[in-house]
Amino acid sequence: MSAADGPPANAPAWRGDDVPGEGRLLGIDYGEKRLGFALSTPEQNLSTPLETWTRRGESVDARRLREIGEEYCVKGIVVGLPLHSWGDEGTSAHRAREFGKWVKETLRLPVTFWDERCSSAAADDWMMAANLSRDQRRARRDMLAAHVILQSFLDRRRALLSGDDAPGSDEHDESAEEE
C-alpha cells in the first residue's frame, strides 16, 4: 500500500493506536550511519530533540537504545519512514521497517512508522535561520529530524483523537505490521 492510498478509515493504527497514548515516546530518524533521537513529554504533547547517535554496531546500538528506554521510561517508538515524494516505499523505507522490527524485538516496545518526508529539510531550515555553521548543522540534523517526525506524529494523532480531522485524510502514518 502506498501512503497516498492511506489506510482504511477503520484501521486503528492510523491513529497510532499501536503505541500507547500516555507515557514518553521515542522518535527515531533512522540512518545507516547515524540515528537521531527525540523524546515526547509523558503527556505526549511536545517533542524535544535528544541526541544524534553515531552507529557502532548492533550490540552497542542496542545497548544505547536500552539505556535511553530505561532512563526516560519510554513506552513506545515512532520511527521515521523515508517515502518517495509520491508516497511509495523504496529501499530506504524497507531498511527503516527492518530497523523498526529490530527495535521492537530489542526493546520489547510497540513501534509505529511515520512519514519523514521533509523532516531533514525542516531541520536544515531551522538551523540555517539560527546561523549555525555547517559542522554545527551536521551534528544536530538527525536529532532535529527525529524531533520533527515525532512532533508531527503527536500533532496528527492529537488532532484525530480530538475529532479535528477525519481518519484517512492524511497520508503520514504507516504502522508496524505484526510479523
Foldseek 3Di string as FASTA:
>chain_A
DFLVQADPLPDPCLLVVLFDQFAKEWFWEDDPFKIWIWIADRNLQAIGTDFIGGDDDDVVVLVVLQVVCVVRVHAEYEYEAEADPVGHHDPRNVVSLVVQVVNCVSNVHFYWYWHLPCLLVVLVVVVVVVVDDPVVSVRCSNSSSSRVRSNVSSVVSVCVVVVVDRHPPGRIIGTRDDD
